[in-house]
Amino acid sequence: MTAPLGGSMTSTDDRFQELRELLRSYEWTGHTFDDTMEAPGTALGSYLRIAAYAPRRAAAAVREIDDLLGTGLFRDEIADDVDLLPHIAPPHGVSVEDCLRVVRHHLDQFLAKPSAPRPALRPQTSWEWRRRFPALSHLLTSYFHQDFSLEYQSHAEAIADYLSAEAHEDHEAAARDINGFLAVNPTDDELQEGVRVLGLRITPPQDVPLRRWLTDLQGIITHHVHTHP
């Protein structure tokens, strides 16, 4: 029987936590499974590149797929957990279970010979951008969003709020993210595209180029980290 998977609610303690995250990668690329036994599709390719940084995630996804398929997708006992999974539509005439078996096949191949992380490779989907640079994405979406002018008088006030509100380890992660982000966006056009995907909705201070502003942000954050251990 062909059926889509679940709704759009989220949780941090549901039975299929890593599978939920894996399926989110499909949400950002059109909600459709496009994998074949021969090759992973766009969304799964993005997930596997992120999993290269933490292969245990792929192992968790395999366990959860086995749990889901072994229990049965439509069993009442897991109905609430399945409801938490993103709504993903399989191709016409193909079941969700068959799609998950294809995904599991590629996860197995990955786990048999995990790919090394490729930090120089530019992300290829919006989901991948935000998972590669989560701390920077949080900084931009939470402090430099479309309502920025309603909350702050200046960019400096926003970054001061960030430094006072967020944890020390988040500051360290954001500084690392900015460094990696600048490295994978060597051109101004790529940089503009990248910050838009990560959530930046305002322009830098007047007469300050975007790359310099991000470099300055990294310097401010790094200084704060070193002076407030």
N, C-alpha and C. Protein backbone atom coordinates (compact mmCIF):
# COMPACT_ATOMS: atom_id res chain seq x y z
N MET A 1 0.85 -1.20 0.00
CA MET A 1 0.00 0.00 0.00
C MET A 1 0.88 1.24 0.00
N THR A 2 0.56 2.19 -0.85
CA THR A 2 1.33 3.42 -0.93
C THR A 2 0.74 4.47 -0.01
N ALA A 3 1.60 5.11 0.78
CA ALA A 3 1.12 6.14 1.70
C ALA A 3 2.24 7.09 2.03
N PRO A 4 1.93 8.37 2.28
CA PRO A 4 2.95 9.32 2.70
C PRO A 4 3.28 9.10 4.17
N LEU A 5 4.39 9.66 4.59
CA LEU A 5 4.78 9.55 5.99
C LEU A 5 4.40 10.81 6.74
N GLY A 6 3.55 10.64 7.76
CA GLY A 6 3.33 11.58 8.83
C GLY A 6 3.06 13.03 8.57
N GLY A 7 3.12 13.81 9.68
CA GLY A 7 2.86 15.24 9.67
C GLY A 7 4.13 16.03 9.82
N SER A 8 4.04 17.20 10.51
CA SER A 8 5.19 18.09 10.56
C SER A 8 5.59 18.46 11.97
N MET A 9 4.98 17.82 13.00
CA MET A 9 5.35 18.11 14.36
C MET A 9 6.77 17.62 14.64
N THR A 10 7.40 18.20 15.67
CA THR A 10 8.73 17.77 16.04
C THR A 10 8.79 17.44 17.52
N SER A 11 9.79 16.65 17.89
CA SER A 11 9.99 16.28 19.27
C SER A 11 11.45 15.93 19.44
N THR A 12 11.94 15.94 20.66
CA THR A 12 13.33 15.57 20.90
C THR A 12 13.45 14.18 21.49
N ASP A 13 12.34 13.52 21.80
CA ASP A 13 12.43 12.22 22.47
C ASP A 13 11.54 11.18 21.80
N ASP A 14 11.20 11.36 20.55
CA ASP A 14 10.34 10.38 19.91
C ASP A 14 11.14 9.15 19.49
N ARG A 15 10.44 8.11 19.15
CA ARG A 15 11.04 6.81 18.87
C ARG A 15 11.92 6.83 17.62
N PHE A 16 11.61 7.72 16.69
CA PHE A 16 12.31 7.75 15.40
C PHE A 16 13.01 9.10 15.20
N GLN A 17 13.78 9.52 16.19
CA GLN A 17 14.37 10.85 16.17
C GLN A 17 15.32 11.06 15.00
N GLU A 18 16.23 10.13 14.76
CA GLU A 18 17.19 10.32 13.67
C GLU A 18 16.53 10.12 12.31
N LEU A 19 15.59 9.19 12.22
CA LEU A 19 14.85 9.02 10.97
C LEU A 19 14.08 10.30 10.64
N ARG A 20 13.53 10.93 11.67
CA ARG A 20 12.83 12.19 11.44
C ARG A 20 13.76 13.23 10.83
N GLU A 21 14.98 13.29 11.36
CA GLU A 21 15.95 14.25 10.82
C GLU A 21 16.34 13.89 9.39
N LEU A 22 16.54 12.62 9.13
CA LEU A 22 16.86 12.19 7.77
C LEU A 22 15.75 12.61 6.80
N LEU A 23 14.50 12.38 7.19
CA LEU A 23 13.38 12.71 6.31
C LEU A 23 13.20 14.21 6.13
N ARG A 24 13.68 14.98 7.09
CA ARG A 24 13.62 16.43 6.92
C ARG A 24 14.44 16.88 5.72
N SER A 25 15.50 16.14 5.42
CA SER A 25 16.31 16.52 4.26
C SER A 25 15.49 16.43 2.98
N TYR A 26 14.49 15.53 2.96
CA TYR A 26 13.61 15.41 1.79
C TYR A 26 12.61 16.56 1.74
N GLU A 27 12.22 17.08 2.88
CA GLU A 27 11.30 18.22 2.90
C GLU A 27 11.87 19.41 2.13
N TRP A 28 13.17 19.58 2.24
CA TRP A 28 13.82 20.75 1.63
C TRP A 28 14.05 20.56 0.13
N THR A 29 13.79 19.36 -0.39
CA THR A 29 14.03 19.10 -1.81
C THR A 29 12.78 18.63 -2.54
N GLY A 30 11.61 18.95 -1.98
CA GLY A 30 10.38 18.65 -2.71
C GLY A 30 9.53 17.54 -2.15
N HIS A 31 9.87 17.01 -0.98
CA HIS A 31 9.04 16.02 -0.30
C HIS A 31 8.96 14.67 -1.01
N THR A 32 9.82 14.39 -1.96
CA THR A 32 9.70 13.16 -2.73
C THR A 32 10.97 12.32 -2.65
N PHE A 33 10.80 11.02 -2.48
CA PHE A 33 11.93 10.10 -2.56
C PHE A 33 12.40 10.04 -4.02
N ASP A 34 13.68 10.29 -4.25
CA ASP A 34 14.22 10.21 -5.62
C ASP A 34 15.43 9.29 -5.66
N ASP A 35 15.52 8.38 -4.69
CA ASP A 35 16.65 7.46 -4.64
C ASP A 35 16.38 6.21 -5.48
N THR A 36 17.43 5.62 -5.98
CA THR A 36 17.34 4.32 -6.63
C THR A 36 18.33 3.38 -5.94
N MET A 37 18.25 2.11 -6.21
CA MET A 37 19.21 1.17 -5.62
C MET A 37 20.63 1.47 -6.10
N GLU A 38 20.74 2.08 -7.27
CA GLU A 38 22.06 2.36 -7.83
C GLU A 38 22.71 3.59 -7.21
N ALA A 39 21.90 4.57 -6.83
CA ALA A 39 22.49 5.82 -6.35
C ALA A 39 21.51 6.57 -5.44
N PRO A 40 22.01 7.21 -4.39
CA PRO A 40 21.14 8.05 -3.57
C PRO A 40 20.73 9.29 -4.35
N GLY A 41 19.55 9.81 -4.04
CA GLY A 41 19.09 11.04 -4.68
C GLY A 41 19.66 12.27 -4.00
N THR A 42 19.09 13.42 -4.33
CA THR A 42 19.61 14.69 -3.83
C THR A 42 19.55 14.78 -2.31
N ALA A 43 18.39 14.49 -1.73
CA ALA A 43 18.23 14.63 -0.29
C ALA A 43 19.10 13.65 0.48
N LEU A 44 19.07 12.40 0.08
CA LEU A 44 19.86 11.39 0.79
C LEU A 44 21.35 11.65 0.62
N GLY A 45 21.75 12.13 -0.54
CA GLY A 45 23.15 12.50 -0.73
C GLY A 45 23.58 13.56 0.27
N SER A 46 22.70 14.55 0.50
CA SER A 46 23.00 15.59 1.49
C SER A 46 23.11 15.00 2.88
N TYR A 47 22.18 14.12 3.22
CA TYR A 47 22.22 13.49 4.55
C TYR A 47 23.51 12.71 4.74
N LEU A 48 23.93 11.96 3.74
CA LEU A 48 25.14 11.15 3.86
C LEU A 48 26.38 12.02 3.99
N ARG A 49 26.40 13.18 3.34
CA ARG A 49 27.55 14.09 3.51
C ARG A 49 27.59 14.64 4.93
N ILE A 50 26.43 14.91 5.51
CA ILE A 50 26.41 15.36 6.91
C ILE A 50 26.77 14.21 7.84
N ALA A 51 26.28 13.01 7.54
CA ALA A 51 26.59 11.85 8.37
C ALA A 51 28.07 11.52 8.37
N ALA A 52 28.79 11.96 7.34
CA ALA A 52 30.24 11.71 7.31
C ALA A 52 30.93 12.35 8.51
N TYR A 53 30.35 13.40 9.06
CA TYR A 53 30.91 14.05 10.23
C TYR A 53 30.58 13.29 11.52
N ALA A 54 29.56 12.43 11.48
CA ALA A 54 29.15 11.65 12.65
C ALA A 54 28.44 10.40 12.18
N PRO A 55 29.20 9.37 11.75
CA PRO A 55 28.59 8.14 11.20
C PRO A 55 27.60 7.47 12.13
N ARG A 56 27.69 7.70 13.44
CA ARG A 56 26.73 7.09 14.36
C ARG A 56 25.30 7.51 14.04
N ARG A 57 25.15 8.66 13.39
CA ARG A 57 23.81 9.11 13.00
C ARG A 57 23.22 8.14 11.98
N ALA A 58 24.02 7.75 11.01
CA ALA A 58 23.52 6.81 10.00
C ALA A 58 23.19 5.47 10.64
N ALA A 59 24.00 5.04 11.61
CA ALA A 59 23.72 3.79 12.30
C ALA A 59 22.40 3.88 13.06
N ALA A 60 22.14 5.02 13.68
CA ALA A 60 20.88 5.22 14.40
C ALA A 60 19.71 5.19 13.42
N ALA A 61 19.89 5.80 12.25
CA ALA A 61 18.82 5.81 11.25
C ALA A 61 18.50 4.39 10.79
N VAL A 62 19.52 3.55 10.61
CA VAL A 62 19.29 2.16 10.21
C VAL A 62 18.48 1.43 11.28
N ARG A 63 18.86 1.61 12.54
CA ARG A 63 18.12 0.94 13.62
C ARG A 63 16.66 1.38 13.64
N GLU A 64 16.43 2.66 13.42
CA GLU A 64 15.06 3.17 13.47
C GLU A 64 14.24 2.73 12.26
N ILE A 65 14.87 2.64 11.09
CA ILE A 65 14.17 2.11 9.92
C ILE A 65 13.81 0.65 10.16
N ASP A 66 14.74 -0.13 10.71
CA ASP A 66 14.45 -1.53 11.01
C ASP A 66 13.31 -1.64 12.02
N ASP A 67 13.31 -0.77 13.01
CA ASP A 67 12.25 -0.77 14.01
C ASP A 67 10.90 -0.46 13.36
N LEU A 68 10.88 0.55 12.51
CA LEU A 68 9.65 0.96 11.85
C LEU A 68 9.13 -0.13 10.92
N LEU A 69 10.00 -0.69 10.10
CA LEU A 69 9.58 -1.72 9.16
C LEU A 69 9.22 -3.02 9.89
N GLY A 70 9.95 -3.33 10.96
CA GLY A 70 9.67 -4.55 11.70
C GLY A 70 8.35 -4.48 12.46
N THR A 71 8.04 -3.29 12.96
CA THR A 71 6.79 -3.12 13.71
C THR A 71 5.60 -3.02 12.77
N GLY A 72 5.80 -2.33 11.65
CA GLY A 72 4.72 -2.10 10.70
C GLY A 72 4.29 -0.65 10.71
N LEU A 73 4.34 -0.03 9.55
CA LEU A 73 4.12 1.41 9.44
C LEU A 73 2.76 1.84 9.97
N PHE A 74 1.76 0.96 9.86
CA PHE A 74 0.40 1.35 10.21
C PHE A 74 -0.08 0.74 11.53
N ARG A 75 0.85 0.25 12.35
CA ARG A 75 0.46 -0.32 13.64
C ARG A 75 0.08 0.79 14.61
N ASP A 76 -1.00 0.57 15.35
CA ASP A 76 -1.48 1.58 16.29
C ASP A 76 -0.44 1.94 17.34
N GLU A 77 0.37 0.97 17.73
CA GLU A 77 1.32 1.21 18.81
C GLU A 77 2.38 2.26 18.47
N ILE A 78 2.61 2.52 17.19
CA ILE A 78 3.60 3.54 16.82
C ILE A 78 2.95 4.70 16.06
N ALA A 79 1.64 4.76 16.06
CA ALA A 79 0.94 5.79 15.27
C ALA A 79 1.38 7.19 15.68
N ASP A 80 1.49 7.44 16.98
CA ASP A 80 1.90 8.77 17.44
C ASP A 80 3.32 9.10 17.01
N ASP A 81 4.20 8.10 17.05
CA ASP A 81 5.59 8.33 16.63
C ASP A 81 5.69 8.58 15.13
N VAL A 82 4.92 7.84 14.35
CA VAL A 82 4.92 8.04 12.90
C VAL A 82 4.37 9.42 12.56
N ASP A 83 3.41 9.88 13.35
CA ASP A 83 2.85 11.21 13.13
C ASP A 83 3.90 12.31 13.23
N LEU A 84 4.95 12.06 13.99
CA LEU A 84 6.00 13.06 14.17
C LEU A 84 6.95 13.15 12.98
N LEU A 85 6.88 12.15 12.09
CA LEU A 85 7.79 12.14 10.95
C LEU A 85 7.33 13.10 9.86
N PRO A 86 8.26 13.76 9.17
CA PRO A 86 7.88 14.65 8.07
C PRO A 86 7.06 13.93 7.02
N HIS A 87 6.18 14.66 6.39
CA HIS A 87 5.28 14.13 5.36
C HIS A 87 6.06 14.03 4.04
N ILE A 88 6.41 12.82 3.67
CA ILE A 88 7.19 12.57 2.46
C ILE A 88 6.40 11.65 1.54
N ALA A 89 6.22 12.05 0.28
CA ALA A 89 5.42 11.27 -0.66
C ALA A 89 6.33 10.39 -1.52
N PRO A 90 6.08 9.09 -1.57
CA PRO A 90 6.86 8.21 -2.46
C PRO A 90 6.43 8.39 -3.91
N PRO A 91 7.25 7.95 -4.86
CA PRO A 91 6.84 8.00 -6.26
C PRO A 91 5.57 7.19 -6.49
N HIS A 92 4.87 7.48 -7.56
CA HIS A 92 3.63 6.78 -7.88
C HIS A 92 3.88 5.27 -8.00
N GLY A 93 3.05 4.50 -7.31
CA GLY A 93 3.13 3.06 -7.40
C GLY A 93 4.18 2.42 -6.53
N VAL A 94 4.86 3.20 -5.71
CA VAL A 94 5.91 2.69 -4.83
C VAL A 94 5.49 2.92 -3.40
N SER A 95 5.70 1.97 -2.53
CA SER A 95 5.30 2.11 -1.13
C SER A 95 6.36 2.85 -0.33
N VAL A 96 5.93 3.42 0.77
CA VAL A 96 6.88 4.04 1.70
C VAL A 96 7.88 3.02 2.19
N GLU A 97 7.40 1.81 2.48
CA GLU A 97 8.30 0.77 2.97
C GLU A 97 9.41 0.47 1.96
N ASP A 98 9.05 0.39 0.67
CA ASP A 98 10.06 0.14 -0.35
C ASP A 98 11.07 1.28 -0.42
N CYS A 99 10.59 2.50 -0.29
CA CYS A 99 11.49 3.65 -0.30
C CYS A 99 12.46 3.59 0.88
N LEU A 100 11.95 3.24 2.05
CA LEU A 100 12.81 3.15 3.23
C LEU A 100 13.83 2.03 3.08
N ARG A 101 13.48 0.97 2.39
CA ARG A 101 14.45 -0.12 2.16
C ARG A 101 15.57 0.36 1.24
N VAL A 102 15.24 1.18 0.27
CA VAL A 102 16.29 1.74 -0.60
C VAL A 102 17.20 2.66 0.21
N VAL A 103 16.59 3.50 1.05
CA VAL A 103 17.38 4.38 1.91
C VAL A 103 18.30 3.55 2.80
N ARG A 104 17.75 2.49 3.39
CA ARG A 104 18.55 1.64 4.27
C ARG A 104 19.71 1.01 3.51
N HIS A 105 19.47 0.61 2.28
CA HIS A 105 20.54 0.03 1.44
C HIS A 105 21.71 0.99 1.34
N HIS A 106 21.44 2.26 1.09
CA HIS A 106 22.53 3.24 0.94
C HIS A 106 23.17 3.56 2.29
N LEU A 107 22.39 3.54 3.36
CA LEU A 107 22.97 3.72 4.69
C LEU A 107 23.91 2.57 5.02
N ASP A 108 23.51 1.36 4.68
CA ASP A 108 24.37 0.19 4.90
C ASP A 108 25.69 0.32 4.13
N GLN A 109 25.58 0.74 2.87
CA GLN A 109 26.79 0.92 2.07
C GLN A 109 27.70 1.97 2.68
N PHE A 110 27.10 3.06 3.15
CA PHE A 110 27.87 4.12 3.79
C PHE A 110 28.57 3.61 5.04
N LEU A 111 27.84 2.85 5.88
CA LEU A 111 28.41 2.37 7.13
C LEU A 111 29.50 1.32 6.90
N ALA A 112 29.38 0.56 5.81
CA ALA A 112 30.41 -0.42 5.50
C ALA A 112 31.73 0.25 5.15
N LYS A 113 31.64 1.45 4.57
CA LYS A 113 32.84 2.20 4.23
C LYS A 113 32.51 3.69 4.33
N PRO A 114 32.49 4.22 5.56
CA PRO A 114 32.08 5.62 5.77
C PRO A 114 32.94 6.59 4.96
N SER A 115 32.29 7.54 4.36
CA SER A 115 32.99 8.58 3.63
C SER A 115 33.64 9.54 4.60
N ALA A 116 34.80 10.05 4.24
CA ALA A 116 35.45 11.07 5.07
C ALA A 116 34.72 12.40 4.89
N PRO A 117 34.66 13.19 5.95
CA PRO A 117 34.06 14.53 5.80
C PRO A 117 34.78 15.32 4.71
N ARG A 118 34.01 16.15 4.02
CA ARG A 118 34.60 16.96 2.94
C ARG A 118 34.29 18.43 3.22
N PRO A 119 35.03 19.04 4.15
CA PRO A 119 34.73 20.42 4.54
C PRO A 119 34.89 21.44 3.42
N ALA A 120 35.66 21.10 2.39
CA ALA A 120 35.85 22.03 1.28
C ALA A 120 34.70 21.98 0.28
N LEU A 121 33.81 20.97 0.42
CA LEU A 121 32.70 20.82 -0.53
C LEU A 121 31.55 21.73 -0.14
N ARG A 122 31.06 22.50 -1.08
CA ARG A 122 29.96 23.41 -0.82
C ARG A 122 28.65 22.62 -0.66
N PRO A 123 27.84 22.91 0.36
CA PRO A 123 26.56 22.23 0.51
C PRO A 123 25.68 22.39 -0.74
N GLN A 124 24.81 21.41 -0.97
CA GLN A 124 24.02 21.40 -2.20
C GLN A 124 22.52 21.54 -1.98
N THR A 125 22.07 21.53 -0.72
CA THR A 125 20.66 21.76 -0.44
C THR A 125 20.55 22.70 0.76
N SER A 126 19.38 23.33 0.91
CA SER A 126 19.17 24.23 2.04
C SER A 126 19.32 23.48 3.36
N TRP A 127 18.79 22.27 3.42
CA TRP A 127 18.93 21.46 4.63
C TRP A 127 20.39 21.24 4.96
N GLU A 128 21.18 20.93 3.94
CA GLU A 128 22.60 20.65 4.16
C GLU A 128 23.34 21.90 4.63
N TRP A 129 23.00 23.05 4.07
CA TRP A 129 23.62 24.31 4.52
C TRP A 129 23.40 24.49 6.01
N ARG A 130 22.16 24.30 6.45
CA ARG A 130 21.84 24.58 7.85
C ARG A 130 22.40 23.53 8.80
N ARG A 131 22.59 22.30 8.34
CA ARG A 131 23.18 21.28 9.18
C ARG A 131 24.70 21.37 9.19
N ARG A 132 25.29 21.86 8.11
CA ARG A 132 26.75 22.05 8.09
C ARG A 132 27.16 23.22 8.99
N PHE A 133 26.34 24.26 9.03
CA PHE A 133 26.70 25.46 9.78
C PHE A 133 25.58 25.85 10.75
N PRO A 134 25.25 24.96 11.69
CA PRO A 134 24.09 25.20 12.55
C PRO A 134 24.25 26.41 13.48
N ALA A 135 25.43 26.62 14.01
CA ALA A 135 25.62 27.73 14.94
C ALA A 135 25.53 29.07 14.21
N LEU A 136 26.09 29.15 13.01
CA LEU A 136 25.99 30.37 12.23
C LEU A 136 24.56 30.61 11.78
N SER A 137 23.86 29.55 11.40
CA SER A 137 22.46 29.68 11.01
C SER A 137 21.63 30.21 12.18
N HIS A 138 21.89 29.70 13.38
CA HIS A 138 21.16 30.19 14.55
C HIS A 138 21.45 31.67 14.79
N LEU A 139 22.70 32.05 14.68
CA LEU A 139 23.06 33.46 14.88
C LEU A 139 22.32 34.36 13.89
N LEU A 140 22.32 33.99 12.62
CA LEU A 140 21.71 34.84 11.60
C LEU A 140 20.19 34.85 11.70
N THR A 141 19.59 33.69 11.90
CA THR A 141 18.12 33.64 11.93
C THR A 141 17.54 34.24 13.21
N SER A 142 18.29 34.18 14.31
CA SER A 142 17.77 34.64 15.59
C SER A 142 18.07 36.11 15.89
N TYR A 143 19.11 36.65 15.26
CA TYR A 143 19.53 38.01 15.61
C TYR A 143 19.58 38.97 14.42
N PHE A 144 19.61 38.45 13.21
CA PHE A 144 19.67 39.31 12.02
C PHE A 144 18.54 38.94 11.06
N HIS A 145 17.35 38.83 11.60
CA HIS A 145 16.17 38.40 10.87
C HIS A 145 15.40 39.59 10.30
N GLN A 146 14.24 39.34 9.72
CA GLN A 146 13.48 40.40 9.05
C GLN A 146 12.92 41.43 10.01
N ASP A 147 12.78 41.10 11.29
CA ASP A 147 12.28 42.06 12.28
C ASP A 147 13.42 42.69 13.07
N PHE A 148 14.61 42.62 12.54
CA PHE A 148 15.80 43.16 13.21
C PHE A 148 15.59 44.59 13.69
N SER A 149 15.06 45.45 12.83
CA SER A 149 14.94 46.88 13.17
C SER A 149 13.94 47.14 14.29
N LEU A 150 13.06 46.18 14.56
CA LEU A 150 12.11 46.34 15.65
C LEU A 150 12.73 45.99 17.00
N GLU A 151 13.84 45.27 16.97
CA GLU A 151 14.46 44.81 18.21
C GLU A 151 15.76 45.52 18.54
N TYR A 152 16.48 45.94 17.52
CA TYR A 152 17.82 46.48 17.75
C TYR A 152 18.00 47.83 17.05
N GLN A 153 18.85 48.64 17.66
CA GLN A 153 19.20 49.93 17.08
C GLN A 153 20.39 49.82 16.13
N SER A 154 21.16 48.77 16.27
CA SER A 154 22.37 48.62 15.46
C SER A 154 22.78 47.16 15.39
N HIS A 155 23.67 46.87 14.45
CA HIS A 155 24.24 45.53 14.35
C HIS A 155 25.04 45.21 15.61
N ALA A 156 25.73 46.20 16.14
CA ALA A 156 26.54 45.99 17.35
C ALA A 156 25.66 45.59 18.53
N GLU A 157 24.49 46.19 18.64
CA GLU A 157 23.58 45.84 19.72
C GLU A 157 23.10 44.40 19.59
N ALA A 158 22.85 43.97 18.36
CA ALA A 158 22.40 42.60 18.13
C ALA A 158 23.48 41.60 18.51
N ILE A 159 24.72 41.86 18.11
CA ILE A 159 25.78 40.90 18.43
C ILE A 159 26.08 40.91 19.92
N ALA A 160 25.92 42.04 20.58
CA ALA A 160 26.10 42.10 22.03
C ALA A 160 25.03 41.26 22.72
N ASP A 161 23.81 41.33 22.21
CA ASP A 161 22.73 40.52 22.76
C ASP A 161 23.03 39.04 22.57
N TYR A 162 23.52 38.68 21.39
CA TYR A 162 23.89 37.30 21.12
C TYR A 162 24.95 36.81 22.10
N LEU A 163 25.98 37.61 22.31
CA LEU A 163 27.08 37.20 23.18
C LEU A 163 26.63 37.04 24.63
N SER A 164 25.67 37.83 25.04
CA SER A 164 25.20 37.74 26.43
C SER A 164 24.17 36.63 26.62
N ALA A 165 23.46 36.29 25.54
CA ALA A 165 22.35 35.34 25.67
C ALA A 165 22.74 33.89 25.40
N GLU A 166 23.72 33.67 24.55
CA GLU A 166 24.04 32.30 24.13
C GLU A 166 25.19 31.73 24.94
N ALA A 167 25.29 30.41 24.93
CA ALA A 167 26.30 29.71 25.72
C ALA A 167 27.69 29.82 25.09
N HIS A 168 28.71 29.65 25.94
CA HIS A 168 30.10 29.74 25.50
C HIS A 168 30.39 28.78 24.35
N GLU A 169 29.89 27.55 24.46
CA GLU A 169 30.16 26.57 23.40
C GLU A 169 29.48 26.95 22.08
N ASP A 170 28.36 27.67 22.16
CA ASP A 170 27.70 28.14 20.94
C ASP A 170 28.54 29.23 20.27
N HIS A 171 29.17 30.07 21.08
CA HIS A 171 30.07 31.10 20.52
C HIS A 171 31.24 30.44 19.79
N GLU A 172 31.83 29.43 20.43
CA GLU A 172 32.95 28.73 19.80
C GLU A 172 32.51 28.08 18.49
N ALA A 173 31.32 27.46 18.50
CA ALA A 173 30.82 26.79 17.30
C ALA A 173 30.55 27.81 16.19
N ALA A 174 30.00 28.97 16.54
CA ALA A 174 29.72 29.99 15.54
C ALA A 174 31.00 30.51 14.90
N ALA A 175 32.04 30.71 15.70
CA ALA A 175 33.32 31.17 15.15
C ALA A 175 33.88 30.14 14.17
N ARG A 176 33.79 28.86 14.52
CA ARG A 176 34.25 27.80 13.60
C ARG A 176 33.40 27.77 12.34
N ASP A 177 32.09 27.92 12.52
CA ASP A 177 31.19 27.90 11.37
C ASP A 177 31.51 29.03 10.39
N ILE A 178 31.75 30.22 10.92
CA ILE A 178 32.05 31.35 10.03
C ILE A 178 33.31 31.07 9.24
N ASN A 179 34.31 30.50 9.88
CA ASN A 179 35.56 30.18 9.19
C ASN A 179 35.31 29.20 8.05
N GLY A 180 34.57 28.13 8.33
CA GLY A 180 34.27 27.15 7.29
C GLY A 180 33.36 27.69 6.21
N PHE A 181 32.41 28.52 6.62
CA PHE A 181 31.45 29.11 5.68
C PHE A 181 32.16 30.01 4.68
N LEU A 182 33.07 30.84 5.16
CA LEU A 182 33.80 31.72 4.25
C LEU A 182 34.66 30.91 3.28
N ALA A 183 35.19 29.80 3.76
CA ALA A 183 36.07 28.99 2.91
C ALA A 183 35.33 28.35 1.74
N VAL A 184 34.06 27.95 1.95
CA VAL A 184 33.33 27.28 0.87
C VAL A 184 32.58 28.26 -0.03
N ASN A 185 32.71 29.55 0.25
CA ASN A 185 32.05 30.58 -0.55
C ASN A 185 33.08 31.61 -1.02
N PRO A 186 33.93 31.23 -1.97
CA PRO A 186 35.02 32.13 -2.37
C PRO A 186 34.57 33.36 -3.16
N THR A 187 33.39 33.31 -3.79
CA THR A 187 32.94 34.46 -4.57
C THR A 187 31.85 35.21 -3.81
N ASP A 188 31.66 36.47 -4.16
CA ASP A 188 30.63 37.27 -3.50
C ASP A 188 29.23 36.74 -3.77
N ASP A 189 29.00 36.25 -4.99
CA ASP A 189 27.68 35.71 -5.32
C ASP A 189 27.39 34.47 -4.48
N GLU A 190 28.38 33.59 -4.34
CA GLU A 190 28.20 32.40 -3.52
C GLU A 190 27.96 32.78 -2.06
N LEU A 191 28.67 33.78 -1.60
CA LEU A 191 28.51 34.23 -0.22
C LEU A 191 27.10 34.77 0.02
N GLN A 192 26.60 35.56 -0.91
CA GLN A 192 25.24 36.10 -0.79
C GLN A 192 24.21 34.97 -0.75
N GLU A 193 24.39 33.99 -1.62
CA GLU A 193 23.46 32.86 -1.65
C GLU A 193 23.51 32.10 -0.33
N GLY A 194 24.71 31.88 0.18
CA GLY A 194 24.87 31.10 1.39
C GLY A 194 24.22 31.76 2.60
N VAL A 195 24.44 33.06 2.79
CA VAL A 195 23.85 33.72 3.97
C VAL A 195 22.33 33.80 3.86
N ARG A 196 21.83 33.91 2.64
CA ARG A 196 20.38 33.93 2.47
C ARG A 196 19.79 32.59 2.92
N VAL A 197 20.41 31.49 2.49
CA VAL A 197 19.91 30.18 2.88
C VAL A 197 20.01 29.98 4.39
N LEU A 198 21.07 30.51 5.00
CA LEU A 198 21.25 30.34 6.44
C LEU A 198 20.35 31.25 7.26
N GLY A 199 19.70 32.23 6.63
CA GLY A 199 18.70 33.00 7.36
C GLY A 199 18.96 34.48 7.52
N LEU A 200 20.03 35.00 6.94
CA LEU A 200 20.28 36.45 7.05
C LEU A 200 19.24 37.21 6.23
N ARG A 201 18.58 38.17 6.88
CA ARG A 201 17.52 38.92 6.21
C ARG A 201 17.76 40.43 6.22
N ILE A 202 18.96 40.85 6.59
CA ILE A 202 19.30 42.27 6.55
C ILE A 202 20.65 42.42 5.86
N THR A 203 21.02 43.65 5.58
CA THR A 203 22.32 43.91 4.98
C THR A 203 23.32 44.26 6.07
N PRO A 204 24.61 44.11 5.79
CA PRO A 204 25.62 44.52 6.77
C PRO A 204 25.56 46.02 7.03
N PRO A 205 26.29 46.52 8.02
CA PRO A 205 26.35 47.97 8.24
C PRO A 205 26.76 48.70 6.97
N GLN A 206 26.38 49.93 6.86
CA GLN A 206 26.63 50.71 5.65
C GLN A 206 28.11 50.72 5.28
N ASP A 207 28.37 50.49 3.99
CA ASP A 207 29.72 50.52 3.42
C ASP A 207 30.62 49.38 3.91
N VAL A 208 30.04 48.38 4.54
CA VAL A 208 30.84 47.23 4.98
C VAL A 208 30.49 46.03 4.10
N PRO A 209 31.43 45.53 3.30
CA PRO A 209 31.14 44.36 2.46
C PRO A 209 30.77 43.15 3.33
N LEU A 210 29.95 42.28 2.75
CA LEU A 210 29.45 41.12 3.49
C LEU A 210 30.59 40.26 4.03
N ARG A 211 31.59 40.00 3.21
CA ARG A 211 32.68 39.13 3.66
C ARG A 211 33.43 39.77 4.83
N ARG A 212 33.66 41.07 4.76
CA ARG A 212 34.35 41.74 5.86
C ARG A 212 33.50 41.74 7.12
N TRP A 213 32.18 41.93 6.95
CA TRP A 213 31.30 41.92 8.12
C TRP A 213 31.33 40.58 8.82
N LEU A 214 31.27 39.49 8.06
CA LEU A 214 31.33 38.16 8.65
C LEU A 214 32.68 37.92 9.33
N THR A 215 33.75 38.39 8.69
CA THR A 215 35.08 38.26 9.29
C THR A 215 35.15 39.05 10.59
N ASP A 216 34.57 40.25 10.59
CA ASP A 216 34.53 41.06 11.81
C ASP A 216 33.71 40.37 12.91
N LEU A 217 32.57 39.76 12.52
CA LEU A 217 31.77 39.02 13.49
C LEU A 217 32.59 37.90 14.12
N GLN A 218 33.31 37.18 13.27
CA GLN A 218 34.13 36.09 13.79
C GLN A 218 35.16 36.63 14.78
N GLY A 219 35.77 37.78 14.44
CA GLY A 219 36.76 38.37 15.34
C GLY A 219 36.16 38.78 16.68
N ILE A 220 34.97 39.38 16.63
CA ILE A 220 34.30 39.80 17.87
C ILE A 220 33.96 38.59 18.73
N ILE A 221 33.42 37.55 18.09
CA ILE A 221 33.04 36.35 18.83
C ILE A 221 34.27 35.66 19.41
N THR A 222 35.33 35.55 18.61
CA THR A 222 36.56 34.91 19.08
C THR A 222 37.17 35.67 20.24
N HIS A 223 37.18 36.97 20.15
CA HIS A 223 37.70 37.80 21.25
C HIS A 223 36.89 37.55 22.53
N HIS A 224 35.58 37.49 22.37
CA HIS A 224 34.71 37.25 23.53
C HIS A 224 34.99 35.88 24.14
N VAL A 225 35.18 34.88 23.29
CA VAL A 225 35.47 33.53 23.77
C VAL A 225 36.76 33.53 24.60
N HIS A 226 37.77 34.24 24.10
CA HIS A 226 39.08 34.23 24.78
C HIS A 226 39.07 35.06 26.06
N THR A 227 38.23 36.06 26.12
CA THR A 227 38.23 36.93 27.29
C THR A 227 37.16 36.56 28.31
N HIS A 228 36.27 35.62 27.94
CA HIS A 228 35.22 35.15 28.85
C HIS A 228 35.20 33.62 28.84
N PRO A 229 36.28 33.00 29.30
CA PRO A 229 36.36 31.54 29.26
C PRO A 229 35.34 30.88 30.19
